[in-house]
């Protein structure tokens, strides 16, 4: 079971935040183009950083805690999912708070 530790953390994040989409009807997941344009550039930077760190042996993943499926640059599947799930969870959480605290919407508009 230890090999599912990273996946369990990701699942915990999904369970802990994705319900906000449906309970508060914030409609974040329906805005795929906006999500991709927000997440993709940053994820690419961190994937390149991970790939470099792995190739130089500055960074590694505990083989006992990952499922063992690798993508490009010998980066584990869990790490790719991390760069997708965690930003979506953060955006969901932020949008959920704004939907509950209506005055935050005006504060956010003033920042633009």
PDB file of N, CA and C in Angstrom:
ATOM      1  N   UNK A   1       0.813  -1.207   0.000  1.00  0.00           N
ATOM      2  CA  UNK A   1       0.000   0.000   0.000  1.00  0.00           C
ATOM      3  C   UNK A   1       0.850   1.261   0.000  1.00  0.00           C
ATOM      4  N   UNK A   2       2.063   1.178   0.493  1.00  0.00           N
ATOM      5  CA  UNK A   2       2.927   2.339   0.540  1.00  0.00           C
ATOM      6  C   UNK A   2       3.158   2.927  -0.852  1.00  0.00           C
ATOM      7  N   UNK A   3       3.132   2.078  -1.883  1.00  0.00           N
ATOM      8  CA  UNK A   3       3.395   2.556  -3.234  1.00  0.00           C
ATOM      9  C   UNK A   3       2.310   3.503  -3.743  1.00  0.00           C
ATOM     10  N   UNK A   4       1.191   3.598  -3.046  1.00  0.00           N
ATOM     11  CA  UNK A   4       0.112   4.500  -3.442  1.00  0.00           C
ATOM     12  C   UNK A   4       0.091   5.775  -2.597  1.00  0.00           C
ATOM     13  N   UNK A   5       1.161   6.050  -1.853  1.00  0.00           N
ATOM     14  CA  UNK A   5       1.196   7.212  -0.963  1.00  0.00           C
ATOM     15  C   UNK A   5       0.998   8.526  -1.712  1.00  0.00           C
ATOM     16  N   UNK A   6       1.736   8.724  -2.788  1.00  0.00           N
ATOM     17  CA  UNK A   6       1.633   9.975  -3.551  1.00  0.00           C
ATOM     18  C   UNK A   6       0.239  10.082  -4.168  1.00  0.00           C
ATOM     19  N   UNK A   7      -0.260   8.982  -4.731  1.00  0.00           N
ATOM     20  CA  UNK A   7      -1.610   8.978  -5.307  1.00  0.00           C
ATOM     21  C   UNK A   7      -2.658   9.264  -4.232  1.00  0.00           C
ATOM     22  N   UNK A   8      -2.458   8.727  -3.045  1.00  0.00           N
ATOM     23  CA  UNK A   8      -3.405   8.966  -1.953  1.00  0.00           C
ATOM     24  C   UNK A   8      -3.444  10.447  -1.585  1.00  0.00           C
ATOM     25  N   UNK A   9      -2.285  11.097  -1.574  1.00  0.00           N
ATOM     26  CA  UNK A   9      -2.240  12.528  -1.288  1.00  0.00           C
ATOM     27  C   UNK A   9      -3.003  13.308  -2.357  1.00  0.00           C
ATOM     28  N   UNK A  10      -2.834  12.906  -3.617  1.00  0.00           N
ATOM     29  CA  UNK A  10      -3.547  13.576  -4.700  1.00  0.00           C
ATOM     30  C   UNK A  10      -5.054  13.330  -4.595  1.00  0.00           C
ATOM     31  N   UNK A  11      -5.435  12.101  -4.269  1.00  0.00           N
ATOM     32  CA  UNK A  11      -6.850  11.781  -4.095  1.00  0.00           C
ATOM     33  C   UNK A  11      -7.440  12.572  -2.929  1.00  0.00           C
ATOM     34  N   UNK A  12      -6.708  12.693  -1.853  1.00  0.00           N
ATOM     35  CA  UNK A  12      -7.144  13.484  -0.700  1.00  0.00           C
ATOM     36  C   UNK A  12      -7.387  14.935  -1.130  1.00  0.00           C
ATOM     37  N   UNK A  13      -6.516  15.468  -1.966  1.00  0.00           N
ATOM     38  CA  UNK A  13      -6.669  16.838  -2.460  1.00  0.00           C
ATOM     39  C   UNK A  13      -7.933  16.966  -3.309  1.00  0.00           C
ATOM     40  N   UNK A  14      -8.169  15.980  -4.173  1.00  0.00           N
ATOM     41  CA  UNK A  14      -9.375  15.992  -5.006  1.00  0.00           C
ATOM     42  C   UNK A  14     -10.622  15.938  -4.122  1.00  0.00           C
ATOM     43  N   UNK A  15     -10.644  15.010  -3.194  1.00  0.00           N
ATOM     44  CA  UNK A  15     -11.800  14.863  -2.305  1.00  0.00           C
ATOM     45  C   UNK A  15     -11.983  16.117  -1.450  1.00  0.00           C
ATOM     46  N   UNK A  16     -10.879  16.700  -1.021  1.00  0.00           N
ATOM     47  CA  UNK A  16     -10.940  17.858  -0.138  1.00  0.00           C
ATOM     48  C   UNK A  16     -11.326  19.160  -0.800  1.00  0.00           C
ATOM     49  N   UNK A  17     -11.220  19.247  -2.124  1.00  0.00           N
ATOM     50  CA  UNK A  17     -11.510  20.529  -2.763  1.00  0.00           C
ATOM     51  C   UNK A  17     -12.458  20.464  -3.951  1.00  0.00           C
ATOM     52  N   UNK A  18     -12.481  19.378  -4.684  1.00  0.00           N
ATOM     53  CA  UNK A  18     -13.286  19.340  -5.900  1.00  0.00           C
ATOM     54  C   UNK A  18     -14.793  19.345  -5.617  1.00  0.00           C
ATOM     55  N   UNK A  19     -15.192  18.964  -4.404  1.00  0.00           N
ATOM     56  CA  UNK A  19     -16.608  19.014  -4.045  1.00  0.00           C
ATOM     57  C   UNK A  19     -17.135  20.435  -4.074  1.00  0.00           C
ATOM     58  N   UNK A  20     -16.241  21.407  -3.901  1.00  0.00           N
ATOM     59  CA  UNK A  20     -16.657  22.813  -3.916  1.00  0.00           C
ATOM     60  C   UNK A  20     -17.297  23.196  -5.249  1.00  0.00           C
ATOM     61  N   UNK A  21     -16.791  22.604  -6.328  1.00  0.00           N
ATOM     62  CA  UNK A  21     -17.330  22.860  -7.665  1.00  0.00           C
ATOM     63  C   UNK A  21     -18.824  22.568  -7.712  1.00  0.00           C
ATOM     64  N   UNK A  22     -19.222  21.487  -7.109  1.00  0.00           N
ATOM     65  CA  UNK A  22     -20.605  21.036  -7.206  1.00  0.00           C
ATOM     66  C   UNK A  22     -21.484  21.587  -6.089  1.00  0.00           C
ATOM     67  N   UNK A  23     -20.926  21.717  -4.903  1.00  0.00           N
ATOM     68  CA  UNK A  23     -21.698  22.200  -3.763  1.00  0.00           C
ATOM     69  C   UNK A  23     -21.984  23.691  -3.879  1.00  0.00           C
ATOM     70  N   UNK A  24     -20.983  24.464  -4.298  1.00  0.00           N
ATOM     71  CA  UNK A  24     -21.143  25.918  -4.400  1.00  0.00           C
ATOM     72  C   UNK A  24     -21.413  26.398  -5.831  1.00  0.00           C
ATOM     73  N   UNK A  25     -21.422  25.481  -6.778  1.00  0.00           N
ATOM     74  CA  UNK A  25     -21.698  25.816  -8.192  1.00  0.00           C
ATOM     75  C   UNK A  25     -20.809  26.944  -8.704  1.00  0.00           C
ATOM     76  N   UNK A  26     -19.515  26.812  -8.493  1.00  0.00           N
ATOM     77  CA  UNK A  26     -18.594  27.885  -8.884  1.00  0.00           C
ATOM     78  C   UNK A  26     -18.137  27.786 -10.333  1.00  0.00           C
ATOM     79  N   UNK A  27     -18.390  26.668 -10.985  1.00  0.00           N
ATOM     80  CA  UNK A  27     -18.161  26.484 -12.423  1.00  0.00           C
ATOM     81  C   UNK A  27     -16.719  26.732 -12.875  1.00  0.00           C
ATOM     82  N   UNK A  28     -15.786  26.260 -12.103  1.00  0.00           N
ATOM     83  CA  UNK A  28     -14.375  26.366 -12.486  1.00  0.00           C
ATOM     84  C   UNK A  28     -14.023  25.276 -13.496  1.00  0.00           C
ATOM     85  N   UNK A  29     -14.465  24.058 -13.243  1.00  0.00           N
ATOM     86  CA  UNK A  29     -14.096  22.939 -14.106  1.00  0.00           C
ATOM     87  C   UNK A  29     -14.699  23.047 -15.500  1.00  0.00           C
ATOM     88  N   UNK A  30     -15.711  23.855 -15.666  1.00  0.00           N
ATOM     89  CA  UNK A  30     -16.316  24.067 -16.974  1.00  0.00           C
ATOM     90  C   UNK A  30     -15.541  25.040 -17.849  1.00  0.00           C
ATOM     91  N   UNK A  31     -14.585  25.709 -17.258  1.00  0.00           N
ATOM     92  CA  UNK A  31     -13.789  26.707 -17.987  1.00  0.00           C
ATOM     93  C   UNK A  31     -12.425  26.111 -18.348  1.00  0.00           C
ATOM     94  N   UNK A  32     -12.466  25.071 -19.150  1.00  0.00           N
ATOM     95  CA  UNK A  32     -11.261  24.300 -19.476  1.00  0.00           C
ATOM     96  C   UNK A  32     -10.195  25.185 -20.122  1.00  0.00           C
ATOM     97  N   UNK A  33     -10.579  26.001 -21.067  1.00  0.00           N
ATOM     98  CA  UNK A  33      -9.607  26.847 -21.770  1.00  0.00           C
ATOM     99  C   UNK A  33      -8.891  27.786 -20.798  1.00  0.00           C
ATOM    100  N   UNK A  34      -9.645  28.363 -19.888  1.00  0.00           N
ATOM    101  CA  UNK A  34      -9.061  29.256 -18.888  1.00  0.00           C
ATOM    102  C   UNK A  34      -8.145  28.501 -17.936  1.00  0.00           C
ATOM    103  N   UNK A  35      -8.566  27.311 -17.522  1.00  0.00           N
ATOM    104  CA  UNK A  35      -7.725  26.491 -16.649  1.00  0.00           C
ATOM    105  C   UNK A  35      -6.417  26.120 -17.336  1.00  0.00           C
ATOM    106  N   UNK A  36      -6.514  25.670 -18.575  1.00  0.00           N
ATOM    107  CA  UNK A  36      -5.306  25.270 -19.314  1.00  0.00           C
ATOM    108  C   UNK A  36      -4.371  26.459 -19.491  1.00  0.00           C
ATOM    109  N   UNK A  37      -4.923  27.609 -19.853  1.00  0.00           N
ATOM    110  CA  UNK A  37      -4.063  28.782 -20.064  1.00  0.00           C
ATOM    111  C   UNK A  37      -3.455  29.292 -18.758  1.00  0.00           C
ATOM    112  N   UNK A  38      -4.082  28.976 -17.645  1.00  0.00           N
ATOM    113  CA  UNK A  38      -3.534  29.375 -16.346  1.00  0.00           C
ATOM    114  C   UNK A  38      -2.496  28.396 -15.832  1.00  0.00           C
ATOM    115  N   UNK A  39      -2.745  27.111 -16.031  1.00  0.00           N
ATOM    116  CA  UNK A  39      -1.916  26.072 -15.430  1.00  0.00           C
ATOM    117  C   UNK A  39      -0.757  25.652 -16.324  1.00  0.00           C
ATOM    118  N   UNK A  40      -0.994  25.505 -17.605  1.00  0.00           N
ATOM    119  CA  UNK A  40       0.006  24.941 -18.516  1.00  0.00           C
ATOM    120  C   UNK A  40       1.353  25.662 -18.488  1.00  0.00           C
ATOM    121  N   UNK A  41       1.397  27.000 -18.623  1.00  0.00           N
ATOM    122  CA  UNK A  41       2.727  27.657 -18.646  1.00  0.00           C
ATOM    123  C   UNK A  41       3.536  27.427 -17.370  1.00  0.00           C
ATOM    124  N   UNK A  42       2.881  27.504 -16.250  1.00  0.00           N
ATOM    125  CA  UNK A  42       3.575  27.312 -14.976  1.00  0.00           C
ATOM    126  C   UNK A  42       3.998  25.855 -14.819  1.00  0.00           C
ATOM    127  N   UNK A  43       3.102  24.934 -15.186  1.00  0.00           N
ATOM    128  CA  UNK A  43       3.434  23.506 -15.094  1.00  0.00           C
ATOM    129  C   UNK A  43       4.645  23.177 -15.958  1.00  0.00           C
ATOM    130  N   UNK A  44       4.729  23.767 -17.138  1.00  0.00           N
ATOM    131  CA  UNK A  44       5.868  23.501 -18.025  1.00  0.00           C
ATOM    132  C   UNK A  44       7.189  23.913 -17.379  1.00  0.00           C
ATOM    133  N   UNK A  45       7.179  25.049 -16.713  1.00  0.00           N
ATOM    134  CA  UNK A  45       8.393  25.517 -16.021  1.00  0.00           C
ATOM    135  C   UNK A  45       8.810  24.492 -14.965  1.00  0.00           C
ATOM    136  N   UNK A  46       7.845  24.021 -14.182  1.00  0.00           N
ATOM    137  CA  UNK A  46       8.175  23.088 -13.112  1.00  0.00           C
ATOM    138  C   UNK A  46       8.514  21.700 -13.635  1.00  0.00           C
ATOM    139  N   UNK A  47       7.910  21.293 -14.741  1.00  0.00           N
ATOM    140  CA  UNK A  47       8.270  20.006 -15.346  1.00  0.00           C
ATOM    141  C   UNK A  47       9.698  20.053 -15.865  1.00  0.00           C
ATOM    142  N   UNK A  48      10.066  21.160 -16.502  1.00  0.00           N
ATOM    143  CA  UNK A  48      11.455  21.323 -16.967  1.00  0.00           C
ATOM    144  C   UNK A  48      12.404  21.325 -15.774  1.00  0.00           C
ATOM    145  N   UNK A  49      12.017  22.014 -14.730  1.00  0.00           N
ATOM    146  CA  UNK A  49      12.839  22.066 -13.517  1.00  0.00           C
ATOM    147  C   UNK A  49      12.985  20.658 -12.922  1.00  0.00           C
ATOM    148  N   UNK A  50      11.884  19.928 -12.812  1.00  0.00           N
ATOM    149  CA  UNK A  50      11.933  18.549 -12.321  1.00  0.00           C
ATOM    150  C   UNK A  50      12.850  17.690 -13.189  1.00  0.00           C
ATOM    151  N   UNK A  51      12.667  17.784 -14.498  1.00  0.00           N
ATOM    152  CA  UNK A  51      13.469  16.974 -15.425  1.00  0.00           C
ATOM    153  C   UNK A  51      14.954  17.266 -15.240  1.00  0.00           C
ATOM    154  N   UNK A  52      15.299  18.527 -15.119  1.00  0.00           N
ATOM    155  CA  UNK A  52      16.699  18.899 -14.914  1.00  0.00           C
ATOM    156  C   UNK A  52      17.214  18.345 -13.581  1.00  0.00           C
ATOM    157  N   UNK A  53      16.443  18.554 -12.523  1.00  0.00           N
ATOM    158  CA  UNK A  53      16.872  18.098 -11.195  1.00  0.00           C
ATOM    159  C   UNK A  53      17.009  16.573 -11.140  1.00  0.00           C
ATOM    160  N   UNK A  54      16.099  15.865 -11.794  1.00  0.00           N
ATOM    161  CA  UNK A  54      16.179  14.406 -11.836  1.00  0.00           C
ATOM    162  C   UNK A  54      17.411  13.974 -12.624  1.00  0.00           C
ATOM    163  N   UNK A  55      17.643  14.606 -13.762  1.00  0.00           N
ATOM    164  CA  UNK A  55      18.784  14.216 -14.600  1.00  0.00           C
ATOM    165  C   UNK A  55      20.122  14.474 -13.910  1.00  0.00           C
ATOM    166  N   UNK A  56      20.180  15.471 -13.057  1.00  0.00           N
ATOM    167  CA  UNK A  56      21.413  15.806 -12.332  1.00  0.00           C
ATOM    168  C   UNK A  56      21.492  15.108 -10.973  1.00  0.00           C
ATOM    169  N   UNK A  57      20.503  14.282 -10.672  1.00  0.00           N
ATOM    170  CA  UNK A  57      20.434  13.547  -9.400  1.00  0.00           C
ATOM    171  C   UNK A  57      20.339  14.482  -8.196  1.00  0.00           C
ATOM    172  N   UNK A  58      19.719  15.637  -8.405  1.00  0.00           N
ATOM    173  CA  UNK A  58      19.469  16.566  -7.304  1.00  0.00           C
ATOM    174  C   UNK A  58      18.123  16.260  -6.663  1.00  0.00           C
ATOM    175  N   UNK A  59      17.300  15.521  -7.390  1.00  0.00           N
ATOM    176  CA  UNK A  59      15.935  15.251  -6.969  1.00  0.00           C
ATOM    177  C   UNK A  59      15.577  13.830  -7.384  1.00  0.00           C
ATOM    178  N   UNK A  60      14.856  13.149  -6.541  1.00  0.00           N
ATOM    179  CA  UNK A  60      14.402  11.810  -6.891  1.00  0.00           C
ATOM    180  C   UNK A  60      13.074  11.528  -6.207  1.00  0.00           C
ATOM    181  N   UNK A  61      12.457  10.455  -6.602  1.00  0.00           N
ATOM    182  CA  UNK A  61      11.194  10.042  -6.021  1.00  0.00           C
ATOM    183  C   UNK A  61      11.401   8.687  -5.363  1.00  0.00           C
ATOM    184  N   UNK A  62      10.830   8.536  -4.187  1.00  0.00           N
ATOM    185  CA  UNK A  62      10.942   7.285  -3.448  1.00  0.00           C
ATOM    186  C   UNK A  62      10.153   6.210  -4.188  1.00  0.00           C
ATOM    187  N   UNK A  63      10.847   5.238  -4.721  1.00  0.00           N
ATOM    188  CA  UNK A  63      10.228   4.174  -5.509  1.00  0.00           C
ATOM    189  C   UNK A  63       9.180   3.399  -4.708  1.00  0.00           C
ATOM    190  N   UNK A  64       9.298   3.439  -3.392  1.00  0.00           N
ATOM    191  CA  UNK A  64       8.342   2.716  -2.548  1.00  0.00           C
ATOM    192  C   UNK A  64       7.001   3.448  -2.449  1.00  0.00           C
ATOM    193  N   UNK A  65       6.980   4.733  -2.818  1.00  0.00           N
ATOM    194  CA  UNK A  65       5.781   5.541  -2.623  1.00  0.00           C
ATOM    195  C   UNK A  65       5.109   5.981  -3.916  1.00  0.00           C
ATOM    196  N   UNK A  66       5.553   5.476  -5.048  1.00  0.00           N
ATOM    197  CA  UNK A  66       4.938   5.811  -6.327  1.00  0.00           C
ATOM    198  C   UNK A  66       4.566   4.511  -7.046  1.00  0.00           C
ATOM    199  N   UNK A  67       3.620   4.610  -7.977  1.00  0.00           N
ATOM    200  CA  UNK A  67       3.145   3.394  -8.646  1.00  0.00           C
ATOM    201  C   UNK A  67       4.129   2.862  -9.674  1.00  0.00           C
ATOM    202  N   UNK A  68       5.062   3.676 -10.134  1.00  0.00           N
ATOM    203  CA  UNK A  68       6.088   3.203 -11.054  1.00  0.00           C
ATOM    204  C   UNK A  68       5.802   3.456 -12.516  1.00  0.00           C
ATOM    205  N   UNK A  69       4.796   4.272 -12.814  1.00  0.00           N
ATOM    206  CA  UNK A  69       4.498   4.655 -14.194  1.00  0.00           C
ATOM    207  C   UNK A  69       5.188   5.991 -14.443  1.00  0.00           C
ATOM    208  N   UNK A  70       5.975   6.046 -15.518  1.00  0.00           N
ATOM    209  CA  UNK A  70       6.745   7.249 -15.813  1.00  0.00           C
ATOM    210  C   UNK A  70       6.317   7.854 -17.133  1.00  0.00           C
ATOM    211  N   UNK A  71       6.396   9.169 -17.193  1.00  0.00           N
ATOM    212  CA  UNK A  71       6.135   9.889 -18.430  1.00  0.00           C
ATOM    213  C   UNK A  71       7.438  10.385 -19.010  1.00  0.00           C
ATOM    214  N   UNK A  72       7.347  11.349 -19.904  1.00  0.00           N
ATOM    215  CA  UNK A  72       8.558  11.918 -20.485  1.00  0.00           C
ATOM    216  C   UNK A  72       9.515  12.449 -19.412  1.00  0.00           C
ATOM    217  N   UNK A  73      10.789  12.404 -19.722  1.00  0.00           N
ATOM    218  CA  UNK A  73      11.862  12.897 -18.838  1.00  0.00           C
ATOM    219  C   UNK A  73      11.992  12.088 -17.558  1.00  0.00           C
ATOM    220  N   UNK A  74      11.455  10.875 -17.558  1.00  0.00           N
ATOM    221  CA  UNK A  74      11.513   9.974 -16.404  1.00  0.00           C
ATOM    222  C   UNK A  74      10.876  10.598 -15.154  1.00  0.00           C
ATOM    223  N   UNK A  75       9.792  11.335 -15.387  1.00  0.00           N
ATOM    224  CA  UNK A  75       9.033  11.934 -14.288  1.00  0.00           C
ATOM    225  C   UNK A  75       7.836  11.029 -14.007  1.00  0.00           C
ATOM    226  N   UNK A  76       7.607  10.676 -12.743  1.00  0.00           N
ATOM    227  CA  UNK A  76       6.496   9.782 -12.402  1.00  0.00           C
ATOM    228  C   UNK A  76       5.129  10.396 -12.727  1.00  0.00           C
ATOM    229  N   UNK A  77       4.194   9.531 -13.024  1.00  0.00           N
ATOM    230  CA  UNK A  77       2.821   9.946 -13.314  1.00  0.00           C
ATOM    231  C   UNK A  77       2.271  10.847 -12.217  1.00  0.00           C
ATOM    232  N   UNK A  78       2.532  10.504 -10.976  1.00  0.00           N
ATOM    233  CA  UNK A  78       2.015  11.284  -9.853  1.00  0.00           C
ATOM    234  C   UNK A  78       2.477  12.738  -9.910  1.00  0.00           C
ATOM    235  N   UNK A  79       3.692  12.947 -10.364  1.00  0.00           N
ATOM    236  CA  UNK A  79       4.215  14.309 -10.434  1.00  0.00           C
ATOM    237  C   UNK A  79       3.484  15.112 -11.509  1.00  0.00           C
ATOM    238  N   UNK A  80       3.210  14.485 -12.638  1.00  0.00           N
ATOM    239  CA  UNK A  80       2.423  15.166 -13.672  1.00  0.00           C
ATOM    240  C   UNK A  80       1.022  15.486 -13.151  1.00  0.00           C
ATOM    241  N   UNK A  81       0.413  14.539 -12.461  1.00  0.00           N
ATOM    242  CA  UNK A  81      -0.910  14.779 -11.886  1.00  0.00           C
ATOM    243  C   UNK A  81      -0.865  15.879 -10.837  1.00  0.00           C
ATOM    244  N   UNK A  82       0.224  15.937 -10.083  1.00  0.00           N
ATOM    245  CA  UNK A  82       0.399  16.991  -9.085  1.00  0.00           C
ATOM    246  C   UNK A  82       0.295  18.368  -9.732  1.00  0.00           C
ATOM    247  N   UNK A  83       0.970  18.531 -10.872  1.00  0.00           N
ATOM    248  CA  UNK A  83       0.980  19.830 -11.544  1.00  0.00           C
ATOM    249  C   UNK A  83      -0.368  20.185 -12.161  1.00  0.00           C
ATOM    250  N   UNK A  84      -1.268  19.239 -12.209  1.00  0.00           N
ATOM    251  CA  UNK A  84      -2.620  19.492 -12.692  1.00  0.00           C
ATOM    252  C   UNK A  84      -3.597  19.659 -11.521  1.00  0.00           C
ATOM    253  N   UNK A  85      -3.564  18.726 -10.595  1.00  0.00           N
ATOM    254  CA  UNK A  85      -4.550  18.687  -9.517  1.00  0.00           C
ATOM    255  C   UNK A  85      -4.368  19.812  -8.505  1.00  0.00           C
ATOM    256  N   UNK A  86      -3.151  20.070  -8.084  1.00  0.00           N
ATOM    257  CA  UNK A  86      -2.931  21.069  -7.034  1.00  0.00           C
ATOM    258  C   UNK A  86      -3.329  22.478  -7.497  1.00  0.00           C
ATOM    259  N   UNK A  87      -2.947  22.916  -8.697  1.00  0.00           N
ATOM    260  CA  UNK A  87      -3.418  24.240  -9.127  1.00  0.00           C
ATOM    261  C   UNK A  87      -4.941  24.317  -9.272  1.00  0.00           C
ATOM    262  N   UNK A  88      -5.564  23.261  -9.779  1.00  0.00           N
ATOM    263  CA  UNK A  88      -7.025  23.277  -9.887  1.00  0.00           C
ATOM    264  C   UNK A  88      -7.649  23.365  -8.498  1.00  0.00           C
ATOM    265  N   UNK A  89      -7.104  22.620  -7.549  1.00  0.00           N
ATOM    266  CA  UNK A  89      -7.612  22.672  -6.175  1.00  0.00           C
ATOM    267  C   UNK A  89      -7.453  24.074  -5.589  1.00  0.00           C
ATOM    268  N   UNK A  90      -6.344  24.721  -5.865  1.00  0.00           N
ATOM    269  CA  UNK A  90      -6.120  26.080  -5.365  1.00  0.00           C
ATOM    270  C   UNK A  90      -7.121  27.059  -5.982  1.00  0.00           C
ATOM    271  N   UNK A  91      -7.337  26.941  -7.282  1.00  0.00           N
ATOM    272  CA  UNK A  91      -8.294  27.824  -7.955  1.00  0.00           C
ATOM    273  C   UNK A  91      -9.709  27.564  -7.436  1.00  0.00           C
ATOM    274  N   UNK A  92     -10.067  26.303  -7.287  1.00  0.00           N
ATOM    275  CA  UNK A  92     -11.381  25.957  -6.737  1.00  0.00           C
ATOM    276  C   UNK A  92     -11.569  26.548  -5.342  1.00  0.00           C
ATOM    277  N   UNK A  93     -10.557  26.415  -4.513  1.00  0.00           N
ATOM    278  CA  UNK A  93     -10.641  26.936  -3.150  1.00  0.00           C
ATOM    279  C   UNK A  93     -10.787  28.447  -3.152  1.00  0.00           C
ATOM    280  N   UNK A  94      -9.991  29.120  -3.972  1.00  0.00           N
ATOM    281  CA  UNK A  94     -10.076  30.583  -4.048  1.00  0.00           C
ATOM    282  C   UNK A  94     -11.461  31.015  -4.533  1.00  0.00           C
ATOM    283  N   UNK A  95     -11.939  30.404  -5.606  1.00  0.00           N
ATOM    284  CA  UNK A  95     -13.247  30.772  -6.154  1.00  0.00           C
ATOM    285  C   UNK A  95     -14.373  30.451  -5.174  1.00  0.00           C
ATOM    286  N   UNK A  96     -14.224  29.386  -4.405  1.00  0.00           N
ATOM    287  CA  UNK A  96     -15.237  29.034  -3.402  1.00  0.00           C
ATOM    288  C   UNK A  96     -15.295  30.093  -2.309  1.00  0.00           C
ATOM    289  N   UNK A  97     -14.139  30.546  -1.859  1.00  0.00           N
ATOM    290  CA  UNK A  97     -14.115  31.590  -0.833  1.00  0.00           C
ATOM    291  C   UNK A  97     -14.723  32.874  -1.376  1.00  0.00           C
ATOM    292  N   UNK A  98     -14.393  33.228  -2.606  1.00  0.00           N
ATOM    293  CA  UNK A  98     -14.957  34.439  -3.209  1.00  0.00           C
ATOM    294  C   UNK A  98     -16.475  34.312  -3.336  1.00  0.00           C
ATOM    295  N   UNK A  99     -16.967  33.104  -3.659  1.00  0.00           N
ATOM    296  CA  UNK A  99     -18.415  32.945  -3.807  1.00  0.00           C
ATOM    297  C   UNK A  99     -19.145  33.060  -2.470  1.00  0.00           C
ATOM    298  N   UNK A 100     -18.463  32.701  -1.392  1.00  0.00           N
ATOM    299  CA  UNK A 100     -19.067  32.796  -0.066  1.00  0.00           C
ATOM    300  C   UNK A 100     -18.890  34.198   0.509  1.00  0.00           C
ATOM    301  N   UNK A 101     -17.756  34.783   0.266  1.00  0.00           N
ATOM    302  CA  UNK A 101     -17.452  36.132   0.760  1.00  0.00           C
ATOM    303  C   UNK A 101     -17.606  37.100  -0.406  1.00  0.00           C
ATOM    304  N   UNK A 102     -18.820  37.520  -0.668  1.00  0.00           N
ATOM    305  CA  UNK A 102     -19.127  38.326  -1.858  1.00  0.00           C
ATOM    306  C   UNK A 102     -18.309  39.616  -1.930  1.00  0.00           C
ATOM    307  N   UNK A 103     -17.976  40.201  -0.798  1.00  0.00           N
ATOM    308  CA  UNK A 103     -17.203  41.443  -0.830  1.00  0.00           C
ATOM    309  C   UNK A 103     -15.790  41.228  -1.383  1.00  0.00           C
ATOM    310  N   UNK A 104     -15.292  40.007  -1.372  1.00  0.00           N
ATOM    311  CA  UNK A 104     -13.975  39.718  -1.939  1.00  0.00           C
ATOM    312  C   UNK A 104     -13.975  39.906  -3.446  1.00  0.00           C
ATOM    313  N   UNK A 105     -15.120  39.683  -4.098  1.00  0.00           N
ATOM    314  CA  UNK A 105     -15.224  39.866  -5.545  1.00  0.00           C
ATOM    315  C   UNK A 105     -14.931  41.319  -5.909  1.00  0.00           C
ATOM    316  N   UNK A 106     -15.483  42.233  -5.115  1.00  0.00           N
ATOM    317  CA  UNK A 106     -15.227  43.648  -5.365  1.00  0.00           C
ATOM    318  C   UNK A 106     -13.766  43.986  -5.108  1.00  0.00           C
ATOM    319  N   UNK A 107     -13.190  43.422  -4.056  1.00  0.00           N
ATOM    320  CA  UNK A 107     -11.772  43.640  -3.777  1.00  0.00           C
ATOM    321  C   UNK A 107     -10.911  43.124  -4.910  1.00  0.00           C
ATOM    322  N   UNK A 108     -11.270  41.964  -5.459  1.00  0.00           N
ATOM    323  CA  UNK A 108     -10.511  41.389  -6.573  1.00  0.00           C
ATOM    324  C   UNK A 108     -10.636  42.267  -7.825  1.00  0.00           C
ATOM    325  N   UNK A 109     -11.811  42.808  -8.063  1.00  0.00           N
ATOM    326  CA  UNK A 109     -12.026  43.699  -9.217  1.00  0.00           C
ATOM    327  C   UNK A 109     -11.182  44.961  -9.085  1.00  0.00           C
ATOM    328  N   UNK A 110     -11.010  45.432  -7.874  1.00  0.00           N
ATOM    329  CA  UNK A 110     -10.217  46.648  -7.653  1.00  0.00           C
ATOM    330  C   UNK A 110      -8.738  46.426  -7.927  1.00  0.00           C
ATOM    331  N   UNK A 111      -8.278  45.184  -7.894  1.00  0.00           N
ATOM    332  CA  UNK A 111      -6.879  44.868  -8.165  1.00  0.00           C
ATOM    333  C   UNK A 111      -6.562  44.940  -9.651  1.00  0.00           C
ATOM    334  N   UNK A 112      -7.564  44.847 -10.502  1.00  0.00           N
ATOM    335  CA  UNK A 112      -7.335  44.813 -11.957  1.00  0.00           C
ATOM    336  C   UNK A 112      -7.036  46.169 -12.512  1.00  0.00           C
TER     337      UNK A 112
END
